[in-house]
mmCIF file of all heavy atoms, coordinates in Angstrom:
data_MODEL
# 
_entry.id   MODEL 
# 
loop_
_atom_site.group_PDB 
_atom_site.id 
_atom_site.type_symbol 
_atom_site.label_atom_id 
_atom_site.label_alt_id 
_atom_site.label_comp_id 
_atom_site.label_asym_id 
_atom_site.label_entity_id 
_atom_site.label_seq_id 
_atom_site.pdbx_PDB_ins_code 
_atom_site.Cartn_x 
_atom_site.Cartn_y 
_atom_site.Cartn_z 
_atom_site.occupancy 
_atom_site.B_iso_or_equiv 
_atom_site.pdbx_formal_charge 
_atom_site.auth_seq_id 
_atom_site.auth_comp_id 
_atom_site.auth_asym_id 
_atom_site.auth_atom_id 
_atom_site.pdbx_PDB_model_num 
ATOM 1   N N   . PHE A 1 1  ? 58.199 199.530 24.038 1.00 0.00 ? 1  PHE A N   1 
ATOM 2   C CA  . PHE A 1 1  ? 58.747 199.625 25.397 1.00 0.00 ? 1  PHE A CA  1 
ATOM 3   C C   . PHE A 1 1  ? 57.661 199.204 26.382 1.00 0.00 ? 1  PHE A C   1 
ATOM 4   O O   . PHE A 1 1  ? 56.611 199.851 26.486 1.00 0.00 ? 1  PHE A O   1 
ATOM 5   C CB  . PHE A 1 1  ? 59.214 201.048 25.693 1.00 0.00 ? 1  PHE A CB  1 
ATOM 6   C CG  . PHE A 1 1  ? 59.718 201.234 27.107 1.00 0.00 ? 1  PHE A CG  1 
ATOM 7   C CD1 . PHE A 1 1  ? 60.866 200.586 27.550 1.00 0.00 ? 1  PHE A CD1 1 
ATOM 8   C CD2 . PHE A 1 1  ? 59.037 202.047 28.000 1.00 0.00 ? 1  PHE A CD2 1 
ATOM 9   C CE1 . PHE A 1 1  ? 61.333 200.751 28.853 1.00 0.00 ? 1  PHE A CE1 1 
ATOM 10  C CE2 . PHE A 1 1  ? 59.494 202.232 29.306 1.00 0.00 ? 1  PHE A CE2 1 
ATOM 11  C CZ  . PHE A 1 1  ? 60.645 201.576 29.717 1.00 0.00 ? 1  PHE A CZ  1 
ATOM 12  N N   . LYS A 1 2  ? 57.886 198.090 27.040 1.00 0.00 ? 2  LYS A N   1 
ATOM 13  C CA  . LYS A 1 2  ? 56.926 197.546 28.011 1.00 0.00 ? 2  LYS A CA  1 
ATOM 14  C C   . LYS A 1 2  ? 55.533 197.379 27.397 1.00 0.00 ? 2  LYS A C   1 
ATOM 15  O O   . LYS A 1 2  ? 54.507 197.664 28.030 1.00 0.00 ? 2  LYS A O   1 
ATOM 16  C CB  . LYS A 1 2  ? 56.852 198.424 29.265 1.00 0.00 ? 2  LYS A CB  1 
ATOM 17  C CG  . LYS A 1 2  ? 58.149 198.484 30.054 1.00 0.00 ? 2  LYS A CG  1 
ATOM 18  C CD  . LYS A 1 2  ? 57.979 199.192 31.380 1.00 0.00 ? 2  LYS A CD  1 
ATOM 19  C CE  . LYS A 1 2  ? 59.267 199.147 32.190 1.00 0.00 ? 2  LYS A CE  1 
ATOM 20  N NZ  . LYS A 1 2  ? 59.132 199.763 33.524 1.00 0.00 ? 2  LYS A NZ  1 
ATOM 21  N N   . GLY A 1 3  ? 55.523 196.929 26.160 1.00 0.00 ? 3  GLY A N   1 
ATOM 22  C CA  . GLY A 1 3  ? 54.259 196.671 25.479 1.00 0.00 ? 3  GLY A CA  1 
ATOM 23  C C   . GLY A 1 3  ? 53.635 197.878 24.823 1.00 0.00 ? 3  GLY A C   1 
ATOM 24  O O   . GLY A 1 3  ? 52.566 197.763 24.203 1.00 0.00 ? 3  GLY A O   1 
ATOM 25  N N   . VAL A 1 4  ? 54.249 199.038 24.910 1.00 0.00 ? 4  VAL A N   1 
ATOM 26  C CA  . VAL A 1 4  ? 53.717 200.259 24.310 1.00 0.00 ? 4  VAL A CA  1 
ATOM 27  C C   . VAL A 1 4  ? 54.468 200.531 23.006 1.00 0.00 ? 4  VAL A C   1 
ATOM 28  O O   . VAL A 1 4  ? 55.703 200.545 22.983 1.00 0.00 ? 4  VAL A O   1 
ATOM 29  C CB  . VAL A 1 4  ? 53.861 201.463 25.267 1.00 0.00 ? 4  VAL A CB  1 
ATOM 30  C CG1 . VAL A 1 4  ? 53.345 202.737 24.589 1.00 0.00 ? 4  VAL A CG1 1 
ATOM 31  C CG2 . VAL A 1 4  ? 53.102 201.207 26.560 1.00 0.00 ? 4  VAL A CG2 1 
ATOM 32  N N   . GLU A 1 5  ? 53.733 200.753 21.933 1.00 0.00 ? 5  GLU A N   1 
ATOM 33  C CA  . GLU A 1 5  ? 54.357 201.043 20.643 1.00 0.00 ? 5  GLU A CA  1 
ATOM 34  C C   . GLU A 1 5  ? 54.941 202.456 20.653 1.00 0.00 ? 5  GLU A C   1 
ATOM 35  O O   . GLU A 1 5  ? 54.276 203.417 21.047 1.00 0.00 ? 5  GLU A O   1 
ATOM 36  C CB  . GLU A 1 5  ? 53.333 200.913 19.516 1.00 0.00 ? 5  GLU A CB  1 
ATOM 37  C CG  . GLU A 1 5  ? 53.933 201.145 18.132 1.00 0.00 ? 5  GLU A CG  1 
ATOM 38  C CD  . GLU A 1 5  ? 52.899 201.040 17.033 1.00 0.00 ? 5  GLU A CD  1 
ATOM 39  O OE1 . GLU A 1 5  ? 51.719 200.725 17.352 1.00 0.00 ? 5  GLU A OE1 1 
ATOM 40  O OE2 . GLU A 1 5  ? 53.248 201.278 15.872 1.00 0.00 ? 5  GLU A OE2 1 
ATOM 41  N N   . LEU A 1 6  ? 56.180 202.576 20.220 1.00 0.00 ? 6  LEU A N   1 
ATOM 42  C CA  . LEU A 1 6  ? 56.863 203.865 20.227 1.00 0.00 ? 6  LEU A CA  1 
ATOM 43  C C   . LEU A 1 6  ? 56.732 204.547 18.876 1.00 0.00 ? 6  LEU A C   1 
ATOM 44  O O   . LEU A 1 6  ? 56.692 203.890 17.826 1.00 0.00 ? 6  LEU A O   1 
ATOM 45  C CB  . LEU A 1 6  ? 58.344 203.668 20.561 1.00 0.00 ? 6  LEU A CB  1 
ATOM 46  C CG  . LEU A 1 6  ? 58.640 203.053 21.935 1.00 0.00 ? 6  LEU A CG  1 
ATOM 47  C CD1 . LEU A 1 6  ? 60.138 202.820 22.107 1.00 0.00 ? 6  LEU A CD1 1 
ATOM 48  C CD2 . LEU A 1 6  ? 58.122 203.946 23.062 1.00 0.00 ? 6  LEU A CD2 1 
ATOM 49  N N   . ILE A 1 7  ? 56.663 205.890 18.915 1.00 0.00 ? 7  ILE A N   1 
ATOM 50  C CA  . ILE A 1 7  ? 56.558 206.692 17.692 1.00 0.00 ? 7  ILE A CA  1 
ATOM 51  C C   . ILE A 1 7  ? 57.573 207.819 17.761 1.00 0.00 ? 7  ILE A C   1 
ATOM 52  O O   . ILE A 1 7  ? 58.140 208.112 18.822 1.00 0.00 ? 7  ILE A O   1 
ATOM 53  C CB  . ILE A 1 7  ? 55.143 207.287 17.523 1.00 0.00 ? 7  ILE A CB  1 
ATOM 54  C CG1 . ILE A 1 7  ? 54.822 208.213 18.712 1.00 0.00 ? 7  ILE A CG1 1 
ATOM 55  C CG2 . ILE A 1 7  ? 54.091 206.192 17.381 1.00 0.00 ? 7  ILE A CG2 1 
ATOM 56  C CD1 . ILE A 1 7  ? 53.527 208.977 18.562 1.00 0.00 ? 7  ILE A CD1 1 
ATOM 57  N N   . LYS A 1 8  ? 57.813 208.468 16.628 1.00 0.00 ? 8  LYS A N   1 
ATOM 58  C CA  . LYS A 1 8  ? 58.660 209.651 16.609 1.00 0.00 ? 8  LYS A CA  1 
ATOM 59  C C   . LYS A 1 8  ? 57.783 210.889 16.747 1.00 0.00 ? 8  LYS A C   1 
ATOM 60  O O   . LYS A 1 8  ? 56.705 210.968 16.156 1.00 0.00 ? 8  LYS A O   1 
ATOM 61  C CB  . LYS A 1 8  ? 59.467 209.712 15.311 1.00 0.00 ? 8  LYS A CB  1 
ATOM 62  C CG  . LYS A 1 8  ? 60.572 208.669 15.233 1.00 0.00 ? 8  LYS A CG  1 
ATOM 63  C CD  . LYS A 1 8  ? 61.455 208.917 14.024 1.00 0.00 ? 8  LYS A CD  1 
ATOM 64  C CE  . LYS A 1 8  ? 62.618 207.926 13.981 1.00 0.00 ? 8  LYS A CE  1 
ATOM 65  N NZ  . LYS A 1 8  ? 63.538 208.131 15.108 1.00 0.00 ? 8  LYS A NZ  1 
ATOM 66  N N   . ASN A 1 9  ? 58.260 211.851 17.511 1.00 0.00 ? 9  ASN A N   1 
ATOM 67  C CA  . ASN A 1 9  ? 57.504 213.085 17.739 1.00 0.00 ? 9  ASN A CA  1 
ATOM 68  C C   . ASN A 1 9  ? 58.499 214.248 17.757 1.00 0.00 ? 9  ASN A C   1 
ATOM 69  O O   . ASN A 1 9  ? 59.211 214.458 18.741 1.00 0.00 ? 9  ASN A O   1 
ATOM 70  C CB  . ASN A 1 9  ? 56.733 213.003 19.060 1.00 0.00 ? 9  ASN A CB  1 
ATOM 71  C CG  . ASN A 1 9  ? 55.769 214.162 19.249 1.00 0.00 ? 9  ASN A CG  1 
ATOM 72  O OD1 . ASN A 1 9  ? 55.855 215.179 18.557 1.00 0.00 ? 9  ASN A OD1 1 
ATOM 73  N ND2 . ASN A 1 9  ? 54.836 214.019 20.183 1.00 0.00 ? 9  ASN A ND2 1 
ATOM 74  N N   . SER A 1 10 ? 58.541 214.964 16.667 1.00 0.00 ? 10 SER A N   1 
ATOM 75  C CA  . SER A 1 10 ? 59.519 216.054 16.539 1.00 0.00 ? 10 SER A CA  1 
ATOM 76  C C   . SER A 1 10 ? 59.241 217.212 17.487 1.00 0.00 ? 10 SER A C   1 
ATOM 77  O O   . SER A 1 10 ? 60.120 218.040 17.734 1.00 0.00 ? 10 SER A O   1 
ATOM 78  C CB  . SER A 1 10 ? 59.544 216.564 15.089 1.00 0.00 ? 10 SER A CB  1 
ATOM 79  O OG  . SER A 1 10 ? 58.252 217.040 14.709 1.00 0.00 ? 10 SER A OG  1 
ATOM 80  N N   . LYS A 1 11 ? 58.012 217.271 18.032 1.00 0.00 ? 11 LYS A N   1 
ATOM 81  C CA  . LYS A 1 11 ? 57.686 218.355 18.962 1.00 0.00 ? 11 LYS A CA  1 
ATOM 82  C C   . LYS A 1 11 ? 58.357 218.164 20.325 1.00 0.00 ? 11 LYS A C   1 
ATOM 83  O O   . LYS A 1 11 ? 58.493 219.123 21.087 1.00 0.00 ? 11 LYS A O   1 
ATOM 84  C CB  . LYS A 1 11 ? 56.171 218.443 19.140 1.00 0.00 ? 11 LYS A CB  1 
ATOM 85  C CG  . LYS A 1 11 ? 55.428 218.872 17.882 1.00 0.00 ? 11 LYS A CG  1 
ATOM 86  C CD  . LYS A 1 11 ? 53.941 218.995 18.144 1.00 0.00 ? 11 LYS A CD  1 
ATOM 87  C CE  . LYS A 1 11 ? 53.197 219.435 16.893 1.00 0.00 ? 11 LYS A CE  1 
ATOM 88  N NZ  . LYS A 1 11 ? 51.728 219.550 17.146 1.00 0.00 ? 11 LYS A NZ  1 
ATOM 89  N N   . VAL A 1 12 ? 58.745 216.948 20.657 1.00 0.00 ? 12 VAL A N   1 
ATOM 90  C CA  . VAL A 1 12 ? 59.403 216.674 21.945 1.00 0.00 ? 12 VAL A CA  1 
ATOM 91  C C   . VAL A 1 12 ? 60.893 216.951 21.796 1.00 0.00 ? 12 VAL A C   1 
ATOM 92  O O   . VAL A 1 12 ? 61.565 216.352 20.948 1.00 0.00 ? 12 VAL A O   1 
ATOM 93  C CB  . VAL A 1 12 ? 59.172 215.221 22.391 1.00 0.00 ? 12 VAL A CB  1 
ATOM 94  C CG1 . VAL A 1 12 ? 59.883 214.948 23.707 1.00 0.00 ? 12 VAL A CG1 1 
ATOM 95  C CG2 . VAL A 1 12 ? 57.682 214.941 22.515 1.00 0.00 ? 12 VAL A CG2 1 
ATOM 96  N N   . LYS A 1 13 ? 61.404 217.866 22.599 1.00 0.00 ? 13 LYS A N   1 
ATOM 97  C CA  . LYS A 1 13 ? 62.810 218.252 22.524 1.00 0.00 ? 13 LYS A CA  1 
ATOM 98  C C   . LYS A 1 13 ? 63.671 217.203 23.233 1.00 0.00 ? 13 LYS A C   1 
ATOM 99  O O   . LYS A 1 13 ? 63.424 216.872 24.393 1.00 0.00 ? 13 LYS A O   1 
ATOM 100 C CB  . LYS A 1 13 ? 63.028 219.612 23.177 1.00 0.00 ? 13 LYS A CB  1 
ATOM 101 C CG  . LYS A 1 13 ? 62.180 220.734 22.573 1.00 0.00 ? 13 LYS A CG  1 
ATOM 102 C CD  . LYS A 1 13 ? 62.543 220.993 21.124 1.00 0.00 ? 13 LYS A CD  1 
ATOM 103 C CE  . LYS A 1 13 ? 61.730 222.156 20.557 1.00 0.00 ? 13 LYS A CE  1 
ATOM 104 N NZ  . LYS A 1 13 ? 62.056 222.411 19.137 1.00 0.00 ? 13 LYS A NZ  1 
ATOM 105 N N   . THR A 1 14 ? 64.666 216.704 22.518 1.00 0.00 ? 14 THR A N   1 
ATOM 106 C CA  . THR A 1 14 ? 65.565 215.704 23.090 1.00 0.00 ? 14 THR A CA  1 
ATOM 107 C C   . THR A 1 14 ? 66.675 216.387 23.877 1.00 0.00 ? 14 THR A C   1 
ATOM 108 O O   . THR A 1 14 ? 67.305 217.333 23.385 1.00 0.00 ? 14 THR A O   1 
ATOM 109 C CB  . THR A 1 14 ? 66.189 214.836 21.981 1.00 0.00 ? 14 THR A CB  1 
ATOM 110 O OG1 . THR A 1 14 ? 65.140 214.246 21.212 1.00 0.00 ? 14 THR A OG1 1 
ATOM 111 C CG2 . THR A 1 14 ? 67.063 213.748 22.580 1.00 0.00 ? 14 THR A CG2 1 
ATOM 112 N N   . ILE A 1 15 ? 66.892 215.916 25.101 1.00 0.00 ? 15 ILE A N   1 
ATOM 113 C CA  . ILE A 1 15 ? 67.989 216.445 25.926 1.00 0.00 ? 15 ILE A CA  1 
ATOM 114 C C   . ILE A 1 15 ? 69.306 215.929 25.363 1.00 0.00 ? 15 ILE A C   1 
ATOM 115 O O   . ILE A 1 15 ? 69.489 214.725 25.193 1.00 0.00 ? 15 ILE A O   1 
ATOM 116 C CB  . ILE A 1 15 ? 67.825 216.014 27.393 1.00 0.00 ? 15 ILE A CB  1 
ATOM 117 C CG1 . ILE A 1 15 ? 66.492 216.521 27.963 1.00 0.00 ? 15 ILE A CG1 1 
ATOM 118 C CG2 . ILE A 1 15 ? 68.978 216.539 28.240 1.00 0.00 ? 15 ILE A CG2 1 
ATOM 119 C CD1 . ILE A 1 15 ? 66.179 216.010 29.348 1.00 0.00 ? 15 ILE A CD1 1 
ATOM 120 N N   . ARG A 1 16 ? 70.224 216.836 25.052 1.00 0.00 ? 16 ARG A N   1 
ATOM 121 C CA  . ARG A 1 16 ? 71.516 216.443 24.493 1.00 0.00 ? 16 ARG A CA  1 
ATOM 122 C C   . ARG A 1 16 ? 72.375 215.829 25.594 1.00 0.00 ? 16 ARG A C   1 
ATOM 123 O O   . ARG A 1 16 ? 72.786 216.530 26.519 1.00 0.00 ? 16 ARG A O   1 
ATOM 124 C CB  . ARG A 1 16 ? 72.197 217.656 23.878 1.00 0.00 ? 16 ARG A CB  1 
ATOM 125 C CG  . ARG A 1 16 ? 71.525 218.158 22.590 1.00 0.00 ? 16 ARG A CG  1 
ATOM 126 C CD  . ARG A 1 16 ? 71.854 219.591 22.304 1.00 0.00 ? 16 ARG A CD  1 
ATOM 127 N NE  . ARG A 1 16 ? 71.152 220.483 23.219 1.00 0.00 ? 16 ARG A NE  1 
ATOM 128 C CZ  . ARG A 1 16 ? 71.295 221.816 23.207 1.00 0.00 ? 16 ARG A CZ  1 
ATOM 129 N NH1 . ARG A 1 16 ? 72.093 222.387 22.329 1.00 0.00 ? 16 ARG A NH1 1 
ATOM 130 N NH2 . ARG A 1 16 ? 70.645 222.565 24.075 1.00 0.00 ? 16 ARG A NH2 1 
ATOM 131 N N   . ARG A 1 17 ? 72.615 214.551 25.463 1.00 0.00 ? 17 ARG A N   1 
ATOM 132 C CA  . ARG A 1 17 ? 73.261 213.789 26.533 1.00 0.00 ? 17 ARG A CA  1 
ATOM 133 C C   . ARG A 1 17 ? 74.645 214.337 26.885 1.00 0.00 ? 17 ARG A C   1 
ATOM 134 O O   . ARG A 1 17 ? 74.966 214.538 28.050 1.00 0.00 ? 17 ARG A O   1 
ATOM 135 C CB  . ARG A 1 17 ? 73.367 212.318 26.131 1.00 0.00 ? 17 ARG A CB  1 
ATOM 136 C CG  . ARG A 1 17 ? 74.009 211.418 27.176 1.00 0.00 ? 17 ARG A CG  1 
ATOM 137 C CD  . ARG A 1 17 ? 73.866 209.962 26.762 1.00 0.00 ? 17 ARG A CD  1 
ATOM 138 N NE  . ARG A 1 17 ? 74.481 209.718 25.465 1.00 0.00 ? 17 ARG A NE  1 
ATOM 139 C CZ  . ARG A 1 17 ? 75.766 209.382 25.315 1.00 0.00 ? 17 ARG A CZ  1 
ATOM 140 N NH1 . ARG A 1 17 ? 76.531 209.251 26.364 1.00 0.00 ? 17 ARG A NH1 1 
ATOM 141 N NH2 . ARG A 1 17 ? 76.263 209.161 24.111 1.00 0.00 ? 17 ARG A NH2 1 
ATOM 142 N N   . GLY A 1 18 ? 75.478 214.581 25.865 1.00 0.00 ? 18 GLY A N   1 
ATOM 143 C CA  . GLY A 1 18 ? 76.826 215.067 26.132 1.00 0.00 ? 18 GLY A CA  1 
ATOM 144 C C   . GLY A 1 18 ? 76.826 216.407 26.829 1.00 0.00 ? 18 GLY A C   1 
ATOM 145 O O   . GLY A 1 18 ? 77.556 216.616 27.799 1.00 0.00 ? 18 GLY A O   1 
ATOM 146 N N   . GLN A 1 19 ? 75.977 217.326 26.359 1.00 0.00 ? 19 GLN A N   1 
ATOM 147 C CA  . GLN A 1 19 ? 75.907 218.647 26.977 1.00 0.00 ? 19 GLN A CA  1 
ATOM 148 C C   . GLN A 1 19 ? 75.345 218.561 28.390 1.00 0.00 ? 19 GLN A C   1 
ATOM 149 O O   . GLN A 1 19 ? 75.767 219.296 29.292 1.00 0.00 ? 19 GLN A O   1 
ATOM 150 C CB  . GLN A 1 19 ? 75.056 219.576 26.116 1.00 0.00 ? 19 GLN A CB  1 
ATOM 151 C CG  . GLN A 1 19 ? 75.047 221.023 26.586 1.00 0.00 ? 19 GLN A CG  1 
ATOM 152 C CD  . GLN A 1 19 ? 74.237 221.915 25.664 1.00 0.00 ? 19 GLN A CD  1 
ATOM 153 O OE1 . GLN A 1 19 ? 73.720 221.471 24.641 1.00 0.00 ? 19 GLN A OE1 1 
ATOM 154 N NE2 . GLN A 1 19 ? 74.116 223.186 26.020 1.00 0.00 ? 19 GLN A NE2 1 
ATOM 155 N N   . PHE A 1 20 ? 74.396 217.658 28.589 1.00 0.00 ? 20 PHE A N   1 
ATOM 156 C CA  . PHE A 1 20 ? 73.789 217.489 29.910 1.00 0.00 ? 20 PHE A CA  1 
ATOM 157 C C   . PHE A 1 20 ? 74.826 217.027 30.934 1.00 0.00 ? 20 PHE A C   1 
ATOM 158 O O   . PHE A 1 20 ? 74.963 217.618 32.014 1.00 0.00 ? 20 PHE A O   1 
ATOM 159 C CB  . PHE A 1 20 ? 72.644 216.480 29.808 1.00 0.00 ? 20 PHE A CB  1 
ATOM 160 C CG  . PHE A 1 20 ? 72.020 216.111 31.119 1.00 0.00 ? 20 PHE A CG  1 
ATOM 161 C CD1 . PHE A 1 20 ? 71.326 217.041 31.874 1.00 0.00 ? 20 PHE A CD1 1 
ATOM 162 C CD2 . PHE A 1 20 ? 72.128 214.814 31.619 1.00 0.00 ? 20 PHE A CD2 1 
ATOM 163 C CE1 . PHE A 1 20 ? 70.745 216.696 33.086 1.00 0.00 ? 20 PHE A CE1 1 
ATOM 164 C CE2 . PHE A 1 20 ? 71.554 214.461 32.826 1.00 0.00 ? 20 PHE A CE2 1 
ATOM 165 C CZ  . PHE A 1 20 ? 70.862 215.411 33.554 1.00 0.00 ? 20 PHE A CZ  1 
ATOM 166 N N   . TYR A 1 21 ? 75.577 215.987 30.595 1.00 0.00 ? 21 TYR A N   1 
ATOM 167 C CA  . TYR A 1 21 ? 76.576 215.493 31.543 1.00 0.00 ? 21 TYR A CA  1 
ATOM 168 C C   . TYR A 1 21 ? 77.735 216.468 31.698 1.00 0.00 ? 21 TYR A C   1 
ATOM 169 O O   . TYR A 1 21 ? 78.322 216.589 32.780 1.00 0.00 ? 21 TYR A O   1 
ATOM 170 C CB  . TYR A 1 21 ? 77.087 214.126 31.089 1.00 0.00 ? 21 TYR A CB  1 
ATOM 171 C CG  . TYR A 1 21 ? 76.151 212.988 31.429 1.00 0.00 ? 21 TYR A CG  1 
ATOM 172 C CD1 . TYR A 1 21 ? 75.618 212.177 30.431 1.00 0.00 ? 21 TYR A CD1 1 
ATOM 173 C CD2 . TYR A 1 21 ? 75.783 212.732 32.745 1.00 0.00 ? 21 TYR A CD2 1 
ATOM 174 C CE1 . TYR A 1 21 ? 74.756 211.127 30.742 1.00 0.00 ? 21 TYR A CE1 1 
ATOM 175 C CE2 . TYR A 1 21 ? 74.914 211.703 33.056 1.00 0.00 ? 21 TYR A CE2 1 
ATOM 176 C CZ  . TYR A 1 21 ? 74.406 210.904 32.052 1.00 0.00 ? 21 TYR A CZ  1 
ATOM 177 O OH  . TYR A 1 21 ? 73.548 209.871 32.374 1.00 0.00 ? 21 TYR A OH  1 
ATOM 178 N N   . ALA A 1 22 ? 78.080 217.173 30.637 1.00 0.00 ? 22 ALA A N   1 
ATOM 179 C CA  . ALA A 1 22 ? 79.138 218.182 30.741 1.00 0.00 ? 22 ALA A CA  1 
ATOM 180 C C   . ALA A 1 22 ? 78.715 219.314 31.681 1.00 0.00 ? 22 ALA A C   1 
ATOM 181 O O   . ALA A 1 22 ? 79.524 219.812 32.479 1.00 0.00 ? 22 ALA A O   1 
ATOM 182 C CB  . ALA A 1 22 ? 79.471 218.733 29.355 1.00 0.00 ? 22 ALA A CB  1 
ATOM 183 N N   . SER A 1 23 ? 77.445 219.704 31.592 1.00 0.00 ? 23 SER A N   1 
ATOM 184 C CA  . SER A 1 23 ? 76.934 220.751 32.483 1.00 0.00 ? 23 SER A CA  1 
ATOM 185 C C   . SER A 1 23 ? 76.917 220.271 33.935 1.00 0.00 ? 23 SER A C   1 
ATOM 186 O O   . SER A 1 23 ? 77.296 221.019 34.850 1.00 0.00 ? 23 SER A O   1 
ATOM 187 C CB  . SER A 1 23 ? 75.535 221.168 32.043 1.00 0.00 ? 23 SER A CB  1 
ATOM 188 O OG  . SER A 1 23 ? 74.997 222.146 32.900 1.00 0.00 ? 23 SER A OG  1 
ATOM 189 N N   . LEU A 1 24 ? 76.472 219.024 34.157 1.00 0.00 ? 24 LEU A N   1 
ATOM 190 C CA  . LEU A 1 24 ? 76.483 218.483 35.517 1.00 0.00 ? 24 LEU A CA  1 
ATOM 191 C C   . LEU A 1 24 ? 77.889 218.445 36.087 1.00 0.00 ? 24 LEU A C   1 
ATOM 192 O O   . LEU A 1 24 ? 78.130 218.855 37.235 1.00 0.00 ? 24 LEU A O   1 
ATOM 193 C CB  . LEU A 1 24 ? 75.895 217.070 35.514 1.00 0.00 ? 24 LEU A CB  1 
ATOM 194 C CG  . LEU A 1 24 ? 74.390 216.903 35.723 1.00 0.00 ? 24 LEU A CG  1 
ATOM 195 C CD1 . LEU A 1 24 ? 74.008 215.441 35.636 1.00 0.00 ? 24 LEU A CD1 1 
ATOM 196 C CD2 . LEU A 1 24 ? 73.943 217.495 37.052 1.00 0.00 ? 24 LEU A CD2 1 
ATOM 197 N N   . LYS A 1 25 ? 78.837 217.967 35.288 1.00 0.00 ? 25 LYS A N   1 
ATOM 198 C CA  . LYS A 1 25 ? 80.236 217.891 35.728 1.00 0.00 ? 25 LYS A CA  1 
ATOM 199 C C   . LYS A 1 25 ? 80.760 219.276 36.095 1.00 0.00 ? 25 LYS A C   1 
ATOM 200 O O   . LYS A 1 25 ? 81.354 219.474 37.164 1.00 0.00 ? 25 LYS A O   1 
ATOM 201 C CB  . LYS A 1 25 ? 81.083 217.273 34.620 1.00 0.00 ? 25 LYS A CB  1 
ATOM 202 C CG  . LYS A 1 25 ? 82.589 217.383 34.827 1.00 0.00 ? 25 LYS A CG  1 
ATOM 203 C CD  . LYS A 1 25 ? 83.347 216.908 33.619 1.00 0.00 ? 25 LYS A CD  1 
ATOM 204 C CE  . LYS A 1 25 ? 84.842 217.197 33.747 1.00 0.00 ? 25 LYS A CE  1 
ATOM 205 N NZ  . LYS A 1 25 ? 85.145 218.642 33.767 1.00 0.00 ? 25 LYS A NZ  1 
ATOM 206 N N   . SER A 1 26 ? 80.538 220.234 35.209 1.00 0.00 ? 26 SER A N   1 
ATOM 207 C CA  . SER A 1 26 ? 81.053 221.579 35.439 1.00 0.00 ? 26 SER A CA  1 
ATOM 208 C C   . SER A 1 26 ? 80.425 222.234 36.664 1.00 0.00 ? 26 SER A C   1 
ATOM 209 O O   . SER A 1 26 ? 81.118 222.846 37.487 1.00 0.00 ? 26 SER A O   1 
ATOM 210 C CB  . SER A 1 26 ? 80.798 222.434 34.196 1.00 0.00 ? 26 SER A CB  1 
ATOM 211 O OG  . SER A 1 26 ? 81.177 223.771 34.410 1.00 0.00 ? 26 SER A OG  1 
ATOM 212 N N   . ASN A 1 27 ? 79.113 222.094 36.813 1.00 0.00 ? 27 ASN A N   1 
ATOM 213 C CA  . ASN A 1 27 ? 78.424 222.739 37.929 1.00 0.00 ? 27 ASN A CA  1 
ATOM 214 C C   . ASN A 1 27 ? 78.774 222.102 39.272 1.00 0.00 ? 27 ASN A C   1 
ATOM 215 O O   . ASN A 1 27 ? 78.869 222.798 40.291 1.00 0.00 ? 27 ASN A O   1 
ATOM 216 C CB  . ASN A 1 27 ? 76.911 222.701 37.703 1.00 0.00 ? 27 ASN A CB  1 
ATOM 217 C CG  . ASN A 1 27 ? 76.469 223.636 36.592 1.00 0.00 ? 27 ASN A CG  1 
ATOM 218 O OD1 . ASN A 1 27 ? 76.978 224.744 36.470 1.00 0.00 ? 27 ASN A OD1 1 
ATOM 219 N ND2 . ASN A 1 27 ? 75.529 223.195 35.768 1.00 0.00 ? 27 ASN A ND2 1 
ATOM 220 N N   . ILE A 1 28 ? 78.958 220.784 39.302 1.00 0.00 ? 28 ILE A N   1 
ATOM 221 C CA  . ILE A 1 28 ? 79.366 220.139 40.552 1.00 0.00 ? 28 ILE A CA  1 
ATOM 222 C C   . ILE A 1 28 ? 80.769 220.584 40.938 1.00 0.00 ? 28 ILE A C   1 
ATOM 223 O O   . ILE A 1 28 ? 81.060 220.839 42.113 1.00 0.00 ? 28 ILE A O   1 
ATOM 224 C CB  . ILE A 1 28 ? 79.290 218.601 40.418 1.00 0.00 ? 28 ILE A CB  1 
ATOM 225 C CG1 . ILE A 1 28 ? 77.833 218.155 40.336 1.00 0.00 ? 28 ILE A CG1 1 
ATOM 226 C CG2 . ILE A 1 28 ? 79.972 217.915 41.596 1.00 0.00 ? 28 ILE A CG2 1 
ATOM 227 C CD1 . ILE A 1 28 ? 77.657 216.674 40.123 1.00 0.00 ? 28 ILE A CD1 1 
ATOM 228 N N   . GLU A 1 29 ? 81.652 220.699 39.958 1.00 0.00 ? 29 GLU A N   1 
ATOM 229 C CA  . GLU A 1 29 ? 83.001 221.179 40.252 1.00 0.00 ? 29 GLU A CA  1 
ATOM 230 C C   . GLU A 1 29 ? 82.973 222.609 40.780 1.00 0.00 ? 29 GLU A C   1 
ATOM 231 O O   . GLU A 1 29 ? 83.674 222.936 41.752 1.00 0.00 ? 29 GLU A O   1 
ATOM 232 C CB  . GLU A 1 29 ? 83.864 221.112 38.996 1.00 0.00 ? 29 GLU A CB  1 
ATOM 233 C CG  . GLU A 1 29 ? 84.303 219.712 38.613 1.00 0.00 ? 29 GLU A CG  1 
ATOM 234 C CD  . GLU A 1 29 ? 85.158 219.700 37.367 1.00 0.00 ? 29 GLU A CD  1 
ATOM 235 O OE1 . GLU A 1 29 ? 84.925 220.544 36.476 1.00 0.00 ? 29 GLU A OE1 1 
ATOM 236 O OE2 . GLU A 1 29 ? 86.049 218.834 37.278 1.00 0.00 ? 29 GLU A OE2 1 
ATOM 237 N N   . ASN A 1 30 ? 82.165 223.462 40.163 1.00 0.00 ? 30 ASN A N   1 
ATOM 238 C CA  . ASN A 1 30 ? 82.113 224.865 40.578 1.00 0.00 ? 30 ASN A CA  1 
ATOM 239 C C   . ASN A 1 30 ? 81.469 225.031 41.939 1.00 0.00 ? 30 ASN A C   1 
ATOM 240 O O   . ASN A 1 30 ? 81.913 225.862 42.747 1.00 0.00 ? 30 ASN A O   1 
ATOM 241 C CB  . ASN A 1 30 ? 81.345 225.694 39.540 1.00 0.00 ? 30 ASN A CB  1 
ATOM 242 C CG  . ASN A 1 30 ? 82.071 225.761 38.215 1.00 0.00 ? 30 ASN A CG  1 
ATOM 243 O OD1 . ASN A 1 30 ? 83.291 225.622 38.155 1.00 0.00 ? 30 ASN A OD1 1 
ATOM 244 N ND2 . ASN A 1 30 ? 81.320 225.964 37.139 1.00 0.00 ? 30 ASN A ND2 1 
# 
């Protein structure tokens, strides 16, 4: 990515995309 070699790092928590957008949708509605 932009000349930087990417690696896997299990210590970094991945934000769950579906849950993230579902939470945004629900909270904006509320």
